[in-house]
């Protein structure tokens, strides 16, 4: 039976990436060695790093003055690197979920933090509107896609101060105007590579403006100067990222992928809305994520939640259980998720409806 991987992260990767990495694990670039055991200073791996950074910039149309870094530590390390490098006195945060909350918590270590708005009052199931960003803050931080709650900011915000975005779970899923951001960062384990590497897009002119001393490993300038080679980078995930970026380009790039993602998400949202057993947790369609679709049983059928989960799992739908903090169901349909898998999930939902 075919397995359909809806895990939120680590999550589905293109078969192209898996096959390329599997080969490189056995014989990397014709060296007769595994990519896991060659020097990161070898000409073969330096070419991988250079190509991955160049293709990353190409696919997102990254303007001049920006650098692409591949670092360790996950997006959670970026929660502290951002304020450490950018906050002189004050920062502003939009709180739209658990990860935004954690990022905001770290910022408190470095100065005053203004929460401009929060959707916590309704279990983070909407994107706040109509808030004011203080003009005297050193930067404004947003989390564009919220994997746990299924909301997404799909537009590039116009901001008078440096804009910072955690795009861990929607990078490369839609076109982004990078020029509107000072920093974009994210863990790669949702739309780019296996866990272990973090991407950072940083505009150089926002750096070097704080008074504090910054440890070398936490200073973006260190990694810019060394081309992400200040310390040994996570070589296997970086190689995997290059495979995914190559696959993405072969698919037609980000714009083509966006059209596919919209189609997949709409199919599933339409079924959730049609099916008498289920309802979406995010009511406003404008706020609904196209990466992480969340839903629950309608109240009348609440007792069927575990039965549906068991039924779907038995049919090969893997990873659709909602996050432990909210329950219900979640289908993560990242770039590598084929439309056929979404259609398979819909078939299962309709079969369960017929049975009940």
C-alpha atoms as a PDB file:
ATOM      1  CA  UNK A   1       0.000   0.000   0.000  1.00  0.00           C
ATOM      2  CA  UNK A   2       1.264   3.447  -0.896  1.00  0.00           C
ATOM      3  CA  UNK A   3       2.008   5.744   2.029  1.00  0.00           C
ATOM      4  CA  UNK A   4       1.033   9.417   1.756  1.00  0.00           C
ATOM      5  CA  UNK A   5       3.272  11.571   3.973  1.00  0.00           C
ATOM      6  CA  UNK A   6       1.415  14.502   5.563  1.00  0.00           C
ATOM      7  CA  UNK A   7       3.878  15.060   8.429  1.00  0.00           C
ATOM      8  CA  UNK A   8       4.425  18.714   9.372  1.00  0.00           C
ATOM      9  CA  UNK A   9       8.185  18.433   9.737  1.00  0.00           C
ATOM     10  CA  UNK A  10      10.496  16.771   9.140  1.00  0.00           C
ATOM     11  CA  UNK A  11       8.309  16.163   6.164  1.00  0.00           C
ATOM     12  CA  UNK A  12       8.017  14.958   2.603  1.00  0.00           C
ATOM     13  CA  UNK A  13      10.924  15.559   0.230  1.00  0.00           C
ATOM     14  CA  UNK A  14      10.961  15.265  -3.556  1.00  0.00           C
ATOM     15  CA  UNK A  15      11.918  11.811  -4.763  1.00  0.00           C
ATOM     16  CA  UNK A  16      14.562  13.599  -6.848  1.00  0.00           C
ATOM     17  CA  UNK A  17      16.166  14.791  -3.611  1.00  0.00           C
ATOM     18  CA  UNK A  18      16.008  11.412  -1.906  1.00  0.00           C
ATOM     19  CA  UNK A  19      17.527   9.647  -4.914  1.00  0.00           C
ATOM     20  CA  UNK A  20      20.282  12.251  -5.312  1.00  0.00           C
ATOM     21  CA  UNK A  21      21.211  12.135  -1.650  1.00  0.00           C
ATOM     22  CA  UNK A  22      21.147   8.330  -1.586  1.00  0.00           C
ATOM     23  CA  UNK A  23      23.641   8.234  -4.436  1.00  0.00           C
ATOM     24  CA  UNK A  24      25.863  10.885  -2.853  1.00  0.00           C
ATOM     25  CA  UNK A  25      25.883   8.994   0.433  1.00  0.00           C
ATOM     26  CA  UNK A  26      27.477   6.105  -1.461  1.00  0.00           C
ATOM     27  CA  UNK A  27      29.629   8.031  -3.964  1.00  0.00           C
ATOM     28  CA  UNK A  28      29.766  11.817  -3.867  1.00  0.00           C
ATOM     29  CA  UNK A  29      30.697  13.654  -7.067  1.00  0.00           C
ATOM     30  CA  UNK A  30      32.723  10.730  -8.324  1.00  0.00           C
ATOM     31  CA  UNK A  31      35.128  10.885  -5.381  1.00  0.00           C
ATOM     32  CA  UNK A  32      34.468   7.316  -4.292  1.00  0.00           C
ATOM     33  CA  UNK A  33      33.666   8.736  -0.848  1.00  0.00           C
ATOM     34  CA  UNK A  34      30.388   9.490   0.872  1.00  0.00           C
ATOM     35  CA  UNK A  35      29.158  13.082   1.095  1.00  0.00           C
ATOM     36  CA  UNK A  36      29.022  12.402   4.830  1.00  0.00           C
ATOM     37  CA  UNK A  37      32.776  11.885   5.055  1.00  0.00           C
ATOM     38  CA  UNK A  38      34.406  14.348   2.664  1.00  0.00           C
ATOM     39  CA  UNK A  39      35.999  17.569   3.850  1.00  0.00           C
ATOM     40  CA  UNK A  40      33.761  20.607   3.714  1.00  0.00           C
ATOM     41  CA  UNK A  41      36.885  22.358   2.377  1.00  0.00           C
ATOM     42  CA  UNK A  42      37.139  20.020  -0.591  1.00  0.00           C
ATOM     43  CA  UNK A  43      36.574  21.569  -3.990  1.00  0.00           C
ATOM     44  CA  UNK A  44      33.641  19.190  -4.527  1.00  0.00           C
ATOM     45  CA  UNK A  45      31.735  20.362  -1.464  1.00  0.00           C
ATOM     46  CA  UNK A  46      32.649  24.026  -1.888  1.00  0.00           C
ATOM     47  CA  UNK A  47      30.971  23.731  -5.301  1.00  0.00           C
ATOM     48  CA  UNK A  48      27.849  22.362  -3.591  1.00  0.00           C
ATOM     49  CA  UNK A  49      27.696  25.293  -1.184  1.00  0.00           C
ATOM     50  CA  UNK A  50      28.299  27.849  -3.932  1.00  0.00           C
ATOM     51  CA  UNK A  51      25.703  26.284  -6.218  1.00  0.00           C
ATOM     52  CA  UNK A  52      23.092  26.036  -3.456  1.00  0.00           C
ATOM     53  CA  UNK A  53      23.500  29.690  -2.504  1.00  0.00           C
ATOM     54  CA  UNK A  54      23.383  30.810  -6.133  1.00  0.00           C
ATOM     55  CA  UNK A  55      20.296  28.753  -6.961  1.00  0.00           C
ATOM     56  CA  UNK A  56      18.564  29.911  -3.773  1.00  0.00           C
ATOM     57  CA  UNK A  57      19.084  33.509  -4.898  1.00  0.00           C
ATOM     58  CA  UNK A  58      17.979  32.766  -8.446  1.00  0.00           C
ATOM     59  CA  UNK A  59      14.713  31.078  -7.473  1.00  0.00           C
ATOM     60  CA  UNK A  60      13.693  33.865  -5.082  1.00  0.00           C
ATOM     61  CA  UNK A  61      15.092  36.718  -7.201  1.00  0.00           C
ATOM     62  CA  UNK A  62      17.199  37.852  -4.251  1.00  0.00           C
ATOM     63  CA  UNK A  63      18.452  41.406  -4.968  1.00  0.00           C
ATOM     64  CA  UNK A  64      21.996  42.666  -4.589  1.00  0.00           C
ATOM     65  CA  UNK A  65      23.105  43.561  -1.087  1.00  0.00           C
ATOM     66  CA  UNK A  66      21.693  40.326   0.363  1.00  0.00           C
ATOM     67  CA  UNK A  67      23.518  37.181   1.453  1.00  0.00           C
ATOM     68  CA  UNK A  68      22.211  33.618   1.686  1.00  0.00           C
ATOM     69  CA  UNK A  69      23.599  31.607   4.582  1.00  0.00           C
ATOM     70  CA  UNK A  70      23.291  27.937   5.506  1.00  0.00           C
ATOM     71  CA  UNK A  71      23.741  27.562   9.258  1.00  0.00           C
ATOM     72  CA  UNK A  72      23.113  25.094  12.068  1.00  0.00           C
ATOM     73  CA  UNK A  73      20.978  25.544  15.157  1.00  0.00           C
ATOM     74  CA  UNK A  74      17.513  25.565  13.616  1.00  0.00           C
ATOM     75  CA  UNK A  75      15.111  28.491  13.396  1.00  0.00           C
ATOM     76  CA  UNK A  76      15.061  28.519  17.197  1.00  0.00           C
ATOM     77  CA  UNK A  77      18.642  29.828  17.219  1.00  0.00           C
ATOM     78  CA  UNK A  78      17.512  32.591  14.885  1.00  0.00           C
ATOM     79  CA  UNK A  79      15.037  33.654  17.560  1.00  0.00           C
ATOM     80  CA  UNK A  80      18.033  34.950  19.496  1.00  0.00           C
ATOM     81  CA  UNK A  81      20.380  35.823  16.612  1.00  0.00           C
ATOM     82  CA  UNK A  82      17.893  38.307  15.160  1.00  0.00           C
ATOM     83  CA  UNK A  83      17.560  40.529  18.254  1.00  0.00           C
ATOM     84  CA  UNK A  84      21.224  40.066  19.156  1.00  0.00           C
ATOM     85  CA  UNK A  85      22.248  41.462  15.755  1.00  0.00           C
ATOM     86  CA  UNK A  86      19.460  43.989  15.139  1.00  0.00           C
ATOM     87  CA  UNK A  87      17.947  45.245  18.389  1.00  0.00           C
ATOM     88  CA  UNK A  88      19.554  48.295  19.922  1.00  0.00           C
ATOM     89  CA  UNK A  89      16.661  49.275  22.207  1.00  0.00           C
ATOM     90  CA  UNK A  90      13.251  48.106  20.991  1.00  0.00           C
ATOM     91  CA  UNK A  91      11.647  45.551  18.686  1.00  0.00           C
ATOM     92  CA  UNK A  92       8.096  44.798  17.542  1.00  0.00           C
ATOM     93  CA  UNK A  93       6.478  41.380  17.126  1.00  0.00           C
ATOM     94  CA  UNK A  94       3.251  40.054  15.619  1.00  0.00           C
ATOM     95  CA  UNK A  95       2.166  37.071  17.701  1.00  0.00           C
ATOM     96  CA  UNK A  96       0.363  34.537  15.530  1.00  0.00           C
ATOM     97  CA  UNK A  97       1.266  31.221  17.149  1.00  0.00           C
ATOM     98  CA  UNK A  98       3.585  29.101  19.238  1.00  0.00           C
ATOM     99  CA  UNK A  99       6.735  29.806  17.220  1.00  0.00           C
ATOM    100  CA  UNK A 100       6.039  33.535  17.107  1.00  0.00           C
ATOM    101  CA  UNK A 101       5.568  33.437  20.865  1.00  0.00           C
ATOM    102  CA  UNK A 102       8.914  31.699  21.336  1.00  0.00           C
ATOM    103  CA  UNK A 103      10.700  34.173  19.066  1.00  0.00           C
ATOM    104  CA  UNK A 104       9.196  37.053  21.009  1.00  0.00           C
ATOM    105  CA  UNK A 105      10.279  35.521  24.314  1.00  0.00           C
ATOM    106  CA  UNK A 106      13.929  35.417  23.218  1.00  0.00           C
ATOM    107  CA  UNK A 107      13.840  39.061  22.119  1.00  0.00           C
ATOM    108  CA  UNK A 108      13.049  40.147  25.683  1.00  0.00           C
ATOM    109  CA  UNK A 109      16.646  39.279  26.579  1.00  0.00           C
ATOM    110  CA  UNK A 110      17.952  42.190  24.499  1.00  0.00           C
ATOM    111  CA  UNK A 111      15.598  45.087  25.075  1.00  0.00           C
ATOM    112  CA  UNK A 112      12.013  46.278  25.026  1.00  0.00           C
ATOM    113  CA  UNK A 113       9.573  44.176  23.003  1.00  0.00           C
ATOM    114  CA  UNK A 114       6.275  45.527  21.704  1.00  0.00           C
ATOM    115  CA  UNK A 115       3.607  42.982  20.828  1.00  0.00           C
ATOM    116  CA  UNK A 116       1.734  44.893  18.142  1.00  0.00           C
ATOM    117  CA  UNK A 117      -1.099  42.356  17.974  1.00  0.00           C
ATOM    118  CA  UNK A 118      -1.917  38.766  18.881  1.00  0.00           C
ATOM    119  CA  UNK A 119      -4.441  36.145  17.809  1.00  0.00           C
ATOM    120  CA  UNK A 120      -4.038  34.140  21.008  1.00  0.00           C
ATOM    121  CA  UNK A 121      -7.546  35.140  22.103  1.00  0.00           C
ATOM    122  CA  UNK A 122      -8.989  32.727  19.503  1.00  0.00           C
ATOM    123  CA  UNK A 123      -6.369  29.984  19.678  1.00  0.00           C
ATOM    124  CA  UNK A 124      -4.321  31.662  16.923  1.00  0.00           C
ATOM    125  CA  UNK A 125      -6.867  30.753  14.235  1.00  0.00           C
ATOM    126  CA  UNK A 126      -6.718  34.104  12.444  1.00  0.00           C
ATOM    127  CA  UNK A 127      -4.189  36.720  11.332  1.00  0.00           C
ATOM    128  CA  UNK A 128      -4.551  40.043  13.196  1.00  0.00           C
ATOM    129  CA  UNK A 129      -5.350  43.107  11.090  1.00  0.00           C
ATOM    130  CA  UNK A 130      -5.251  46.858  11.610  1.00  0.00           C
ATOM    131  CA  UNK A 131      -2.299  46.970  13.993  1.00  0.00           C
ATOM    132  CA  UNK A 132       0.294  49.741  14.182  1.00  0.00           C
ATOM    133  CA  UNK A 133       4.017  49.058  14.021  1.00  0.00           C
ATOM    134  CA  UNK A 134       6.012  51.534  16.152  1.00  0.00           C
ATOM    135  CA  UNK A 135       8.260  53.612  13.922  1.00  0.00           C
ATOM    136  CA  UNK A 136      10.985  53.790  16.572  1.00  0.00           C
ATOM    137  CA  UNK A 137      11.424  49.990  16.813  1.00  0.00           C
ATOM    138  CA  UNK A 138      14.633  48.542  15.417  1.00  0.00           C
ATOM    139  CA  UNK A 139      12.735  45.866  13.463  1.00  0.00           C
ATOM    140  CA  UNK A 140       9.342  44.178  13.084  1.00  0.00           C
ATOM    141  CA  UNK A 141       9.166  40.360  13.272  1.00  0.00           C
ATOM    142  CA  UNK A 142       6.491  38.144  11.736  1.00  0.00           C
ATOM    143  CA  UNK A 143       5.995  34.400  11.327  1.00  0.00           C
ATOM    144  CA  UNK A 144       4.486  34.002   7.886  1.00  0.00           C
ATOM    145  CA  UNK A 145       3.053  30.491   8.191  1.00  0.00           C
ATOM    146  CA  UNK A 146       1.842  28.833  11.361  1.00  0.00           C
ATOM    147  CA  UNK A 147       2.139  25.073  11.088  1.00  0.00           C
ATOM    148  CA  UNK A 148       0.212  24.252  14.259  1.00  0.00           C
ATOM    149  CA  UNK A 149      -2.842  26.431  13.642  1.00  0.00           C
ATOM    150  CA  UNK A 150      -2.994  26.588   9.850  1.00  0.00           C
ATOM    151  CA  UNK A 151      -2.819  30.330   9.248  1.00  0.00           C
ATOM    152  CA  UNK A 152      -0.592  32.183   6.805  1.00  0.00           C
ATOM    153  CA  UNK A 153       0.409  35.724   5.887  1.00  0.00           C
ATOM    154  CA  UNK A 154       0.430  35.489   2.101  1.00  0.00           C
ATOM    155  CA  UNK A 155       1.404  39.051   1.245  1.00  0.00           C
ATOM    156  CA  UNK A 156       4.685  40.898   1.690  1.00  0.00           C
ATOM    157  CA  UNK A 157       3.989  43.583   4.258  1.00  0.00           C
ATOM    158  CA  UNK A 158       4.948  47.187   3.567  1.00  0.00           C
ATOM    159  CA  UNK A 159       6.923  48.250   6.602  1.00  0.00           C
ATOM    160  CA  UNK A 160       8.754  51.487   7.437  1.00  0.00           C
ATOM    161  CA  UNK A 161      11.274  49.698   9.651  1.00  0.00           C
ATOM    162  CA  UNK A 162      13.356  46.578   8.914  1.00  0.00           C
ATOM    163  CA  UNK A 163      11.048  43.590   8.453  1.00  0.00           C
ATOM    164  CA  UNK A 164      12.136  40.144   9.670  1.00  0.00           C
ATOM    165  CA  UNK A 165      10.254  36.961   8.781  1.00  0.00           C
ATOM    166  CA  UNK A 166      10.381  33.363   9.917  1.00  0.00           C
ATOM    167  CA  UNK A 167       9.443  31.481   6.730  1.00  0.00           C
ATOM    168  CA  UNK A 168      10.320  28.005   7.943  1.00  0.00           C
ATOM    169  CA  UNK A 169       7.222  26.337   6.549  1.00  0.00           C
ATOM    170  CA  UNK A 170       6.311  28.331   3.445  1.00  0.00           C
ATOM    171  CA  UNK A 171       9.617  29.297   1.843  1.00  0.00           C
ATOM    172  CA  UNK A 172       9.551  28.594  -1.925  1.00  0.00           C
ATOM    173  CA  UNK A 173       5.809  27.873  -1.803  1.00  0.00           C
ATOM    174  CA  UNK A 174       4.882  31.285  -3.232  1.00  0.00           C
ATOM    175  CA  UNK A 175       6.657  34.270  -4.778  1.00  0.00           C
ATOM    176  CA  UNK A 176       8.246  36.623  -2.222  1.00  0.00           C
ATOM    177  CA  UNK A 177       9.485  40.170  -2.705  1.00  0.00           C
ATOM    178  CA  UNK A 178      12.733  39.747  -0.805  1.00  0.00           C
ATOM    179  CA  UNK A 179      13.512  43.454  -1.116  1.00  0.00           C
ATOM    180  CA  UNK A 180      10.826  44.188   1.503  1.00  0.00           C
ATOM    181  CA  UNK A 181      12.667  42.194   4.167  1.00  0.00           C
ATOM    182  CA  UNK A 182      15.808  42.785   6.195  1.00  0.00           C
ATOM    183  CA  UNK A 183      16.067  39.102   7.176  1.00  0.00           C
ATOM    184  CA  UNK A 184      14.202  35.964   6.137  1.00  0.00           C
ATOM    185  CA  UNK A 185      15.088  32.761   7.955  1.00  0.00           C
ATOM    186  CA  UNK A 186      13.793  29.280   8.557  1.00  0.00           C
ATOM    187  CA  UNK A 187      14.466  25.683   9.363  1.00  0.00           C
ATOM    188  CA  UNK A 188      14.833  23.684   6.158  1.00  0.00           C
ATOM    189  CA  UNK A 189      12.980  20.565   7.284  1.00  0.00           C
ATOM    190  CA  UNK A 190       9.618  21.474   5.789  1.00  0.00           C
ATOM    191  CA  UNK A 191      10.154  22.679   2.227  1.00  0.00           C
ATOM    192  CA  UNK A 192      13.849  22.390   1.492  1.00  0.00           C
ATOM    193  CA  UNK A 193      15.939  19.668   3.138  1.00  0.00           C
ATOM    194  CA  UNK A 194      16.191  17.233   6.057  1.00  0.00           C
ATOM    195  CA  UNK A 195      16.483  18.682   9.542  1.00  0.00           C
ATOM    196  CA  UNK A 196      19.889  20.071  10.403  1.00  0.00           C
ATOM    197  CA  UNK A 197      20.345  23.160   8.261  1.00  0.00           C
ATOM    198  CA  UNK A 198      18.847  26.629   8.610  1.00  0.00           C
ATOM    199  CA  UNK A 199      18.646  29.164   5.794  1.00  0.00           C
ATOM    200  CA  UNK A 200      19.079  32.893   6.346  1.00  0.00           C
ATOM    201  CA  UNK A 201      18.652  35.676   3.803  1.00  0.00           C
ATOM    202  CA  UNK A 202      20.121  38.829   5.302  1.00  0.00           C
ATOM    203  CA  UNK A 203      20.536  42.349   3.947  1.00  0.00           C
ATOM    204  CA  UNK A 204      24.039  43.451   4.794  1.00  0.00           C
ATOM    205  CA  UNK A 205      23.240  47.094   5.519  1.00  0.00           C
ATOM    206  CA  UNK A 206      21.142  46.270   8.603  1.00  0.00           C
ATOM    207  CA  UNK A 207      24.121  44.733  10.405  1.00  0.00           C
ATOM    208  CA  UNK A 208      26.762  46.320  12.616  1.00  0.00           C
ATOM    209  CA  UNK A 209      24.458  48.884  14.218  1.00  0.00           C
ATOM    210  CA  UNK A 210      24.195  47.552  17.769  1.00  0.00           C
ATOM    211  CA  UNK A 211      26.535  48.433  20.624  1.00  0.00           C
ATOM    212  CA  UNK A 212      26.751  44.985  22.218  1.00  0.00           C
ATOM    213  CA  UNK A 213      29.511  42.494  21.615  1.00  0.00           C
ATOM    214  CA  UNK A 214      28.233  39.517  19.644  1.00  0.00           C
ATOM    215  CA  UNK A 215      29.782  36.043  19.946  1.00  0.00           C
ATOM    216  CA  UNK A 216      31.415  35.039  16.669  1.00  0.00           C
ATOM    217  CA  UNK A 217      29.056  32.135  16.010  1.00  0.00           C
ATOM    218  CA  UNK A 218      26.004  34.349  16.547  1.00  0.00           C
ATOM    219  CA  UNK A 219      27.179  37.249  14.391  1.00  0.00           C
ATOM    220  CA  UNK A 220      25.763  37.184  10.865  1.00  0.00           C
ATOM    221  CA  UNK A 221      28.833  39.039   9.621  1.00  0.00           C
ATOM    222  CA  UNK A 222      31.027  36.113  10.659  1.00  0.00           C
ATOM    223  CA  UNK A 223      29.130  33.751   8.388  1.00  0.00           C
ATOM    224  CA  UNK A 224      28.898  36.246   5.543  1.00  0.00           C
ATOM    225  CA  UNK A 225      32.672  36.735   5.611  1.00  0.00           C
ATOM    226  CA  UNK A 226      33.281  32.976   5.578  1.00  0.00           C
ATOM    227  CA  UNK A 227      30.585  32.002   3.078  1.00  0.00           C
ATOM    228  CA  UNK A 228      28.758  29.827   5.648  1.00  0.00           C
ATOM    229  CA  UNK A 229      32.074  28.026   6.259  1.00  0.00           C
ATOM    230  CA  UNK A 230      33.148  29.592   9.560  1.00  0.00           C
ATOM    231  CA  UNK A 231      32.610  26.207  11.165  1.00  0.00           C
ATOM    232  CA  UNK A 232      31.815  22.843   9.597  1.00  0.00           C
ATOM    233  CA  UNK A 233      28.404  23.257   7.969  1.00  0.00           C
ATOM    234  CA  UNK A 234      25.739  20.514   8.007  1.00  0.00           C
ATOM    235  CA  UNK A 235      27.042  19.015   4.770  1.00  0.00           C
ATOM    236  CA  UNK A 236      24.400  16.364   4.126  1.00  0.00           C
ATOM    237  CA  UNK A 237      21.377  18.690   4.548  1.00  0.00           C
ATOM    238  CA  UNK A 238      23.097  21.359   2.420  1.00  0.00           C
ATOM    239  CA  UNK A 239      23.628  18.796  -0.323  1.00  0.00           C
ATOM    240  CA  UNK A 240      19.975  17.777  -0.012  1.00  0.00           C
ATOM    241  CA  UNK A 241      18.933  21.437  -0.239  1.00  0.00           C
ATOM    242  CA  UNK A 242      20.799  21.739  -3.520  1.00  0.00           C
ATOM    243  CA  UNK A 243      18.903  18.732  -4.870  1.00  0.00           C
ATOM    244  CA  UNK A 244      15.570  20.245  -3.830  1.00  0.00           C
ATOM    245  CA  UNK A 245      16.449  23.613  -5.338  1.00  0.00           C
ATOM    246  CA  UNK A 246      17.402  21.899  -8.592  1.00  0.00           C
ATOM    247  CA  UNK A 247      14.116  19.963  -8.547  1.00  0.00           C
ATOM    248  CA  UNK A 248      12.203  23.178  -7.890  1.00  0.00           C
ATOM    249  CA  UNK A 249      13.815  24.892 -10.850  1.00  0.00           C
ATOM    250  CA  UNK A 250      12.959  21.895 -13.031  1.00  0.00           C
ATOM    251  CA  UNK A 251       9.333  22.200 -11.916  1.00  0.00           C
ATOM    252  CA  UNK A 252       9.166  25.706 -13.337  1.00  0.00           C
ATOM    253  CA  UNK A 253      10.279  27.667 -10.292  1.00  0.00           C
ATOM    254  CA  UNK A 254       8.411  29.291  -7.441  1.00  0.00           C
ATOM    255  CA  UNK A 255       5.564  30.774  -9.496  1.00  0.00           C
ATOM    256  CA  UNK A 256       4.709  27.392 -10.995  1.00  0.00           C
ATOM    257  CA  UNK A 257       4.904  25.766  -7.577  1.00  0.00           C
ATOM    258  CA  UNK A 258       2.567  28.399  -6.138  1.00  0.00           C
ATOM    259  CA  UNK A 259      -0.106  27.548  -8.698  1.00  0.00           C
ATOM    260  CA  UNK A 260       0.180  23.855  -7.817  1.00  0.00           C
ATOM    261  CA  UNK A 261       0.000  24.613  -4.099  1.00  0.00           C
ATOM    262  CA  UNK A 262      -3.115  26.750  -4.512  1.00  0.00           C
ATOM    263  CA  UNK A 263      -4.806  23.958  -6.439  1.00  0.00           C
ATOM    264  CA  UNK A 264      -3.931  21.301  -3.855  1.00  0.00           C
ATOM    265  CA  UNK A 265      -5.037  23.428  -0.914  1.00  0.00           C
ATOM    266  CA  UNK A 266      -8.314  24.426  -2.564  1.00  0.00           C
ATOM    267  CA  UNK A 267      -9.205  20.809  -3.275  1.00  0.00           C
ATOM    268  CA  UNK A 268      -8.783  19.887   0.372  1.00  0.00           C
ATOM    269  CA  UNK A 269     -10.476  22.973   1.795  1.00  0.00           C
ATOM    270  CA  UNK A 270     -13.423  22.402  -0.548  1.00  0.00           C
ATOM    271  CA  UNK A 271     -13.818  18.837   0.696  1.00  0.00           C
ATOM    272  CA  UNK A 272     -13.615  19.912   4.339  1.00  0.00           C
ATOM    273  CA  UNK A 273     -16.340  22.460   3.644  1.00  0.00           C
ATOM    274  CA  UNK A 274     -18.512  19.956   1.760  1.00  0.00           C
ATOM    275  CA  UNK A 275     -18.133  16.950   4.049  1.00  0.00           C
ATOM    276  CA  UNK A 276     -20.782  16.835   6.799  1.00  0.00           C
ATOM    277  CA  UNK A 277     -18.322  15.270   9.263  1.00  0.00           C
ATOM    278  CA  UNK A 278     -15.669  18.016   9.256  1.00  0.00           C
ATOM    279  CA  UNK A 279     -15.068  21.738   9.573  1.00  0.00           C
ATOM    280  CA  UNK A 280     -12.036  23.954   9.049  1.00  0.00           C
ATOM    281  CA  UNK A 281     -10.497  25.566  12.120  1.00  0.00           C
ATOM    282  CA  UNK A 282      -9.588  28.787  10.271  1.00  0.00           C
ATOM    283  CA  UNK A 283     -12.818  30.449   9.208  1.00  0.00           C
ATOM    284  CA  UNK A 284     -11.476  33.362   7.161  1.00  0.00           C
ATOM    285  CA  UNK A 285     -10.350  31.960   3.819  1.00  0.00           C
ATOM    286  CA  UNK A 286      -7.850  34.803   3.407  1.00  0.00           C
ATOM    287  CA  UNK A 287      -6.022  33.638   6.539  1.00  0.00           C
ATOM    288  CA  UNK A 288      -5.899  29.941   5.636  1.00  0.00           C
ATOM    289  CA  UNK A 289      -2.504  28.380   5.057  1.00  0.00           C
ATOM    290  CA  UNK A 290      -1.825  26.668   1.760  1.00  0.00           C
ATOM    291  CA  UNK A 291       0.861  24.579   3.437  1.00  0.00           C
ATOM    292  CA  UNK A 292      -0.819  23.267   6.598  1.00  0.00           C
ATOM    293  CA  UNK A 293      -4.549  22.558   6.350  1.00  0.00           C
ATOM    294  CA  UNK A 294      -6.165  22.097   9.764  1.00  0.00           C
ATOM    295  CA  UNK A 295      -9.639  20.776  10.527  1.00  0.00           C
ATOM    296  CA  UNK A 296     -11.707  19.070  13.205  1.00  0.00           C
ATOM    297  CA  UNK A 297     -14.820  16.934  13.421  1.00  0.00           C
ATOM    298  CA  UNK A 298     -18.107  18.789  13.401  1.00  0.00           C
ATOM    299  CA  UNK A 299     -19.523  18.874  16.928  1.00  0.00           C
ATOM    300  CA  UNK A 300     -22.207  16.321  16.081  1.00  0.00           C
ATOM    301  CA  UNK A 301     -19.557  13.802  15.107  1.00  0.00           C
ATOM    302  CA  UNK A 302     -16.868  14.672  17.681  1.00  0.00           C
ATOM    303  CA  UNK A 303     -16.824  11.129  19.045  1.00  0.00           C
ATOM    304  CA  UNK A 304     -15.583   9.864  15.667  1.00  0.00           C
ATOM    305  CA  UNK A 305     -12.231  11.686  15.812  1.00  0.00           C
ATOM    306  CA  UNK A 306     -10.100   8.714  16.818  1.00  0.00           C
ATOM    307  CA  UNK A 307     -12.044   6.389  14.544  1.00  0.00           C
ATOM    308  CA  UNK A 308     -11.372   8.612  11.536  1.00  0.00           C
ATOM    309  CA  UNK A 309      -7.696   8.940  12.407  1.00  0.00           C
ATOM    310  CA  UNK A 310      -7.348   5.156  12.671  1.00  0.00           C
ATOM    311  CA  UNK A 311      -9.302   4.666   9.442  1.00  0.00           C
ATOM    312  CA  UNK A 312      -7.210   7.175   7.505  1.00  0.00           C
ATOM    313  CA  UNK A 313      -3.943   5.797   8.852  1.00  0.00           C
ATOM    314  CA  UNK A 314      -4.961   2.290   7.832  1.00  0.00           C
ATOM    315  CA  UNK A 315      -5.529   3.659   4.330  1.00  0.00           C
ATOM    316  CA  UNK A 316      -1.966   5.003   4.157  1.00  0.00           C
ATOM    317  CA  UNK A 317      -2.576   8.605   5.271  1.00  0.00           C
ATOM    318  CA  UNK A 318       0.445   9.206   7.512  1.00  0.00           C
ATOM    319  CA  UNK A 319       0.868  12.151   9.855  1.00  0.00           C
ATOM    320  CA  UNK A 320      -2.594  13.755   9.721  1.00  0.00           C
ATOM    321  CA  UNK A 321      -3.075  13.915  13.486  1.00  0.00           C
ATOM    322  CA  UNK A 322      -3.288  17.525  14.608  1.00  0.00           C
ATOM    323  CA  UNK A 323      -0.661  19.035  16.877  1.00  0.00           C
ATOM    324  CA  UNK A 324      -0.970  17.831  20.465  1.00  0.00           C
ATOM    325  CA  UNK A 325      -1.825  21.372  21.629  1.00  0.00           C
ATOM    326  CA  UNK A 326      -4.926  21.705  19.421  1.00  0.00           C
ATOM    327  CA  UNK A 327      -6.047  18.202  18.436  1.00  0.00           C
ATOM    328  CA  UNK A 328      -8.077  17.504  15.329  1.00  0.00           C
ATOM    329  CA  UNK A 329      -6.326  16.909  12.029  1.00  0.00           C
ATOM    330  CA  UNK A 330      -3.633  18.529   9.932  1.00  0.00           C
ATOM    331  CA  UNK A 331      -2.474  17.799   6.409  1.00  0.00           C
ATOM    332  CA  UNK A 332       0.845  19.391   5.547  1.00  0.00           C
ATOM    333  CA  UNK A 333       0.974  19.679   1.779  1.00  0.00           C
ATOM    334  CA  UNK A 334       4.380  21.190   1.110  1.00  0.00           C
ATOM    335  CA  UNK A 335       5.897  21.609  -2.340  1.00  0.00           C
ATOM    336  CA  UNK A 336       6.914  17.961  -2.642  1.00  0.00           C
ATOM    337  CA  UNK A 337       3.395  16.697  -1.890  1.00  0.00           C
ATOM    338  CA  UNK A 338       1.832  15.503  -5.149  1.00  0.00           C
ATOM    339  CA  UNK A 339      -1.756  16.365  -5.996  1.00  0.00           C
ATOM    340  CA  UNK A 340      -2.490  12.626  -6.117  1.00  0.00           C
ATOM    341  CA  UNK A 341      -1.839  12.320  -2.387  1.00  0.00           C
ATOM    342  CA  UNK A 342      -4.302  15.111  -1.619  1.00  0.00           C
ATOM    343  CA  UNK A 343      -6.859  13.389  -3.833  1.00  0.00           C
ATOM    344  CA  UNK A 344      -6.201  10.125  -1.983  1.00  0.00           C
ATOM    345  CA  UNK A 345      -6.907  11.834   1.350  1.00  0.00           C
ATOM    346  CA  UNK A 346     -10.133  13.287  -0.037  1.00  0.00           C
ATOM    347  CA  UNK A 347     -11.219   9.831  -1.170  1.00  0.00           C
ATOM    348  CA  UNK A 348     -10.647   8.520   2.346  1.00  0.00           C
ATOM    349  CA  UNK A 349     -12.650  11.400   3.851  1.00  0.00           C
ATOM    350  CA  UNK A 350     -15.560  10.687   1.527  1.00  0.00           C
ATOM    351  CA  UNK A 351     -15.436   6.972   2.234  1.00  0.00           C
ATOM    352  CA  UNK A 352     -15.506   7.613   5.971  1.00  0.00           C
ATOM    353  CA  UNK A 353     -18.437   9.994   5.509  1.00  0.00           C
ATOM    354  CA  UNK A 354     -20.337   7.321   3.562  1.00  0.00           C
ATOM    355  CA  UNK A 355     -19.691   4.806   6.320  1.00  0.00           C
ATOM    356  CA  UNK A 356     -21.035   7.165   8.971  1.00  0.00           C
END
